[in-house]
Amino acid sequence: MNLPAPLATIAAPSIRLRPSLRRPLLAVCLAMACAGAAGCDMLDMYDQPRYEPLEASEVFDDHGASRQLVQGTVPRGWLREDDALYTGKINGEFVSELPVEFNEKLMKRGQQRFNIYCSVCHSRTGDGDGMIVRRGFRRPPSLHIDRLRNAPAGHFFDVMTHGFGAMPSYASRIKVADRWAIVAYIRALQLSQNARLQDVPEDERPKLDKPQEQAEAPAAAETEQQEAGE
């Protein structure tokens, strides 16, 4: 392009390149041109011929493009090899003992989950006089009757998993580990309502008197203050 003389004298210095820069600049321009040409095919790659999910197809006998999973396919993280843990049964029979480690942490977790999900019907002591029962809902059996005290641990896990009678399944709301924690806490509740002094270890028995001593201490102090005032 021919520029007027006054402009040529201004623009000319700005477009002059040193010989050492011409070759790198030419390589950059060439690369950009190739990238631009390749970008013209991006739309074709995005909208390439393919089947959409559940679209009809004449390729397969069932005329469906989406294929069924191979029999026995297991999603990642869903392998259930431990029948006792995930079903509460071994060879079709309910397990009698917990398939998880029993400790204080498990008990506290079970108490928390029980109070959230179970106590509204079963009450916090498990006698079946929960808050919604008092408002007209069907009363569940007490957890302290002989039938349930003698029921195997797997029975309670199975009831939480599949439901029983008027009770719906809680499998979608309570995780497997938490269901076993609740089972552990149910056993503690059952023991608490039928415990004997002989069931308490000797080194723990002195602690049973502490609540009574703590309750009597303020009353004794108040009596002493009254006598001193007289």
Protein backbone atom coordinates (compact mmCIF):
# COMPACT_ATOMS: atom_id res chain seq x y z
CA MET A 1 0.00 0.00 0.00
CA ASN A 2 1.35 3.40 -1.01
CA LEU A 3 1.09 5.95 1.74
CA PRO A 4 1.23 9.71 1.25
CA ALA A 5 4.67 11.07 1.76
CA PRO A 6 4.01 12.62 5.18
CA LEU A 7 2.47 9.38 6.47
CA ALA A 8 5.10 7.17 4.86
CA THR A 9 7.80 8.87 6.87
CA ILE A 10 5.87 8.14 10.10
CA ALA A 11 4.67 4.58 9.37
CA ALA A 12 7.80 3.28 7.73
CA PRO A 13 9.89 2.99 10.91
CA SER A 14 7.05 1.09 12.68
CA ILE A 15 6.88 -1.72 10.09
CA ARG A 16 10.57 -2.25 9.59
CA LEU A 17 11.92 -5.42 11.23
CA ARG A 18 15.41 -6.44 11.90
CA PRO A 19 16.49 -9.41 9.74
CA SER A 20 16.96 -11.55 12.87
CA LEU A 21 13.23 -11.19 13.78
CA ARG A 22 11.72 -11.88 10.37
CA ARG A 23 12.06 -15.67 10.45
CA PRO A 24 10.57 -16.18 13.99
CA LEU A 25 7.68 -13.84 13.12
CA LEU A 26 7.03 -15.76 9.91
CA ALA A 27 6.93 -19.05 11.87
CA VAL A 28 4.44 -17.61 14.36
CA CYS A 29 2.18 -16.34 11.58
CA LEU A 30 2.32 -19.69 9.83
CA ALA A 31 1.39 -21.53 13.07
CA MET A 32 -1.56 -19.21 13.64
CA ALA A 33 -2.78 -19.77 10.11
CA CYS A 34 -2.65 -23.56 10.58
CA ALA A 35 -4.52 -23.29 13.88
CA GLY A 36 -7.21 -21.19 12.24
CA ALA A 37 -7.61 -23.71 9.46
CA ALA A 38 -7.90 -26.57 11.95
CA GLY A 39 -10.48 -24.64 13.96
CA CYS A 40 -12.86 -24.73 11.04
CA ASP A 41 -13.41 -28.47 11.70
CA MET A 42 -14.18 -28.12 15.41
CA LEU A 43 -17.93 -27.83 14.79
CA ASP A 44 -17.88 -31.02 12.76
CA MET A 45 -16.17 -32.85 15.66
CA TYR A 46 -18.70 -31.51 18.15
CA ASP A 47 -21.68 -32.46 16.01
CA GLN A 48 -20.29 -35.74 14.72
CA PRO A 49 -22.61 -38.61 13.81
CA ARG A 50 -23.47 -40.58 16.97
CA TYR A 51 -26.37 -42.09 18.85
CA GLU A 52 -27.97 -40.12 21.65
CA PRO A 53 -28.84 -41.97 24.89
CA LEU A 54 -31.92 -44.20 24.49
CA GLU A 55 -32.15 -43.35 20.80
CA ALA A 56 -33.59 -45.97 18.43
CA SER A 57 -31.18 -48.04 16.37
CA GLU A 58 -31.57 -50.63 13.62
CA VAL A 59 -28.18 -52.14 14.38
CA PHE A 60 -29.30 -54.23 17.36
CA ASP A 61 -32.16 -56.69 17.64
CA ASP A 62 -33.89 -54.74 20.41
CA HIS A 63 -33.74 -51.54 18.29
CA GLY A 64 -32.10 -49.58 21.09
CA ALA A 65 -28.81 -47.70 20.84
CA SER A 66 -28.14 -47.92 24.60
CA ARG A 67 -26.87 -51.35 25.54
CA GLN A 68 -27.71 -53.27 28.71
CA LEU A 69 -24.96 -53.81 31.27
CA VAL A 70 -23.19 -57.14 31.17
CA GLN A 71 -24.67 -59.51 33.75
CA GLY A 72 -22.77 -59.27 37.02
CA THR A 73 -21.53 -55.71 36.40
CA VAL A 74 -20.78 -53.93 39.68
CA PRO A 75 -20.49 -50.12 39.93
CA ARG A 76 -17.28 -48.80 41.41
CA GLY A 77 -17.52 -48.76 45.19
CA TRP A 78 -20.57 -51.05 45.28
CA LEU A 79 -18.96 -54.47 45.64
CA ARG A 80 -20.89 -56.32 48.34
CA GLU A 81 -18.81 -59.38 49.14
CA ASP A 82 -19.46 -59.39 52.90
CA ASP A 83 -22.99 -60.81 53.20
CA ALA A 84 -23.09 -60.40 56.97
CA LEU A 85 -22.20 -56.72 56.74
CA TYR A 86 -24.48 -55.75 53.86
CA THR A 87 -27.45 -58.08 54.39
CA GLY A 88 -27.29 -59.06 58.05
CA LYS A 89 -27.40 -62.71 57.01
CA ILE A 90 -25.08 -65.66 56.47
CA ASN A 91 -26.41 -68.50 54.34
CA GLY A 92 -29.88 -67.03 54.62
CA GLU A 93 -29.86 -66.87 58.43
CA PHE A 94 -29.72 -63.66 60.48
CA VAL A 95 -26.39 -63.05 62.17
CA SER A 96 -26.48 -63.05 65.96
CA GLU A 97 -23.45 -60.78 66.48
CA LEU A 98 -22.40 -57.45 65.01
CA PRO A 99 -20.13 -57.79 61.95
CA VAL A 100 -18.39 -54.53 62.93
CA GLU A 101 -16.07 -53.59 65.78
CA PHE A 102 -17.96 -52.72 68.94
CA ASN A 103 -16.59 -49.67 70.75
CA GLU A 104 -17.63 -46.43 72.42
CA LYS A 105 -17.50 -44.48 69.16
CA LEU A 106 -19.94 -46.92 67.56
CA MET A 107 -22.31 -46.61 70.52
CA LYS A 108 -22.32 -42.81 70.44
CA ARG A 109 -22.94 -42.82 66.71
CA GLY A 110 -25.76 -45.31 67.15
CA GLN A 111 -27.35 -43.19 69.87
CA GLN A 112 -27.23 -40.12 67.66
CA ARG A 113 -28.73 -41.91 64.64
CA PHE A 114 -31.36 -43.64 66.78
CA ASN A 115 -32.51 -40.37 68.30
CA ILE A 116 -32.77 -38.81 64.83
CA TYR A 117 -34.47 -41.57 62.85
CA CYS A 118 -36.00 -44.01 65.34
CA SER A 119 -37.04 -42.19 68.48
CA VAL A 120 -39.96 -40.36 66.83
CA CYS A 121 -41.79 -43.71 66.77
CA HIS A 122 -39.94 -45.94 69.23
CA SER A 123 -39.18 -43.17 71.77
CA ARG A 124 -35.72 -42.57 73.14
CA THR A 125 -36.04 -45.50 75.53
CA GLY A 126 -37.41 -47.87 72.90
CA ASP A 127 -40.76 -48.47 74.58
CA GLY A 128 -42.75 -47.52 71.45
CA ASP A 129 -44.27 -44.34 72.88
CA GLY A 130 -42.67 -41.92 70.44
CA MET A 131 -43.85 -38.39 69.75
CA ILE A 132 -45.78 -39.18 66.56
CA VAL A 133 -47.37 -42.18 68.25
CA ARG A 134 -48.83 -39.78 70.82
CA ARG A 135 -50.30 -37.87 67.87
CA GLY A 136 -52.15 -40.85 66.42
CA PHE A 137 -49.58 -42.82 64.45
CA ARG A 138 -49.58 -46.60 64.75
CA ARG A 139 -47.67 -47.75 67.82
CA PRO A 140 -44.66 -50.01 67.17
CA PRO A 141 -43.88 -52.88 69.53
CA SER A 142 -41.60 -52.15 72.45
CA LEU A 143 -37.99 -53.11 71.83
CA HIS A 144 -38.00 -54.63 75.32
CA ILE A 145 -40.49 -57.43 74.75
CA ASP A 146 -39.04 -60.93 74.88
CA ARG A 147 -39.50 -61.50 71.14
CA LEU A 148 -37.26 -58.56 70.22
CA ARG A 149 -34.84 -58.99 73.10
CA ASN A 150 -34.17 -62.49 71.81
CA ALA A 151 -34.14 -61.48 68.13
CA PRO A 152 -30.75 -61.77 66.40
CA ALA A 153 -28.85 -58.60 65.54
CA GLY A 154 -29.36 -59.21 61.82
CA HIS A 155 -33.14 -58.92 62.29
CA PHE A 156 -32.93 -55.24 63.25
CA PHE A 157 -30.55 -54.51 60.36
CA ASP A 158 -32.94 -56.24 57.94
CA VAL A 159 -35.94 -54.28 59.23
CA MET A 160 -34.10 -50.98 58.74
CA THR A 161 -33.03 -52.07 55.26
CA HIS A 162 -36.33 -53.42 53.92
CA GLY A 163 -38.96 -52.14 56.33
CA PHE A 164 -41.43 -54.19 58.34
CA GLY A 165 -45.19 -53.75 58.77
CA ALA A 166 -45.98 -50.03 58.90
CA MET A 167 -42.29 -49.15 59.07
CA PRO A 168 -40.79 -48.16 55.68
CA SER A 169 -37.29 -48.92 54.48
CA TYR A 170 -34.59 -46.56 55.75
CA ALA A 171 -31.87 -47.87 53.43
CA SER A 172 -31.83 -44.65 51.42
CA ARG A 173 -31.45 -42.52 54.54
CA ILE A 174 -29.25 -44.53 56.87
CA LYS A 175 -25.90 -45.87 55.66
CA VAL A 176 -24.89 -49.48 56.26
CA ALA A 177 -22.38 -48.56 58.96
CA ASP A 178 -24.94 -46.39 60.74
CA ARG A 179 -27.54 -49.17 60.65
CA TRP A 180 -25.16 -51.42 62.55
CA ALA A 181 -24.41 -48.58 64.96
CA ILE A 182 -28.15 -48.32 65.65
CA VAL A 183 -28.34 -52.09 66.20
CA ALA A 184 -25.57 -51.78 68.78
CA TYR A 185 -27.43 -48.98 70.55
CA ILE A 186 -30.69 -50.98 70.51
CA ARG A 187 -28.86 -53.75 72.34
CA ALA A 188 -27.67 -51.20 74.89
CA LEU A 189 -31.23 -49.94 75.38
CA GLN A 190 -32.50 -53.47 75.85
CA LEU A 191 -29.80 -54.18 78.39
CA SER A 192 -30.47 -50.92 80.25
CA GLN A 193 -34.08 -51.86 80.90
CA ASN A 194 -33.26 -55.37 82.06
CA ALA A 195 -29.85 -54.98 83.68
CA ARG A 196 -28.79 -56.40 87.02
CA LEU A 197 -26.07 -55.20 89.34
CA GLN A 198 -24.15 -58.40 88.62
CA ASP A 199 -23.96 -57.33 84.96
CA VAL A 200 -21.91 -54.26 85.88
CA PRO A 201 -18.14 -54.76 86.28
CA GLU A 202 -17.04 -54.32 89.88
CA ASP A 203 -14.71 -51.43 89.07
CA GLU A 204 -17.61 -49.56 87.44
CA ARG A 205 -20.18 -50.09 90.18
CA PRO A 206 -19.07 -47.12 92.35
CA LYS A 207 -20.03 -44.83 89.45
CA LEU A 208 -23.66 -45.90 89.79
CA ASP A 209 -23.96 -44.02 93.09
CA LYS A 210 -22.46 -40.78 91.81
CA PRO A 211 -25.66 -39.33 90.26
CA GLN A 212 -27.49 -39.81 93.56
CA GLU A 213 -24.62 -38.30 95.55
CA GLN A 214 -24.49 -35.31 93.19
CA ALA A 215 -28.23 -34.79 93.58
CA GLU A 216 -28.06 -34.98 97.38
CA ALA A 217 -25.12 -32.57 97.72
CA PRO A 218 -27.04 -29.34 96.79
CA ALA A 219 -29.90 -30.32 99.11
CA ALA A 220 -27.50 -30.87 102.03
CA ALA A 221 -25.79 -27.53 101.39
CA GLU A 222 -29.14 -25.72 101.35
CA THR A 223 -30.11 -27.34 104.67
CA GLU A 224 -26.84 -26.20 106.28
CA GLN A 225 -27.41 -22.63 105.09
CA GLN A 226 -30.90 -22.57 106.56
CA GLU A 227 -29.66 -23.88 109.92
CA ALA A 228 -26.87 -21.32 109.94
CA GLY A 229 -29.37 -18.54 109.32
CA GLU A 230 -31.46 -19.60 112.26
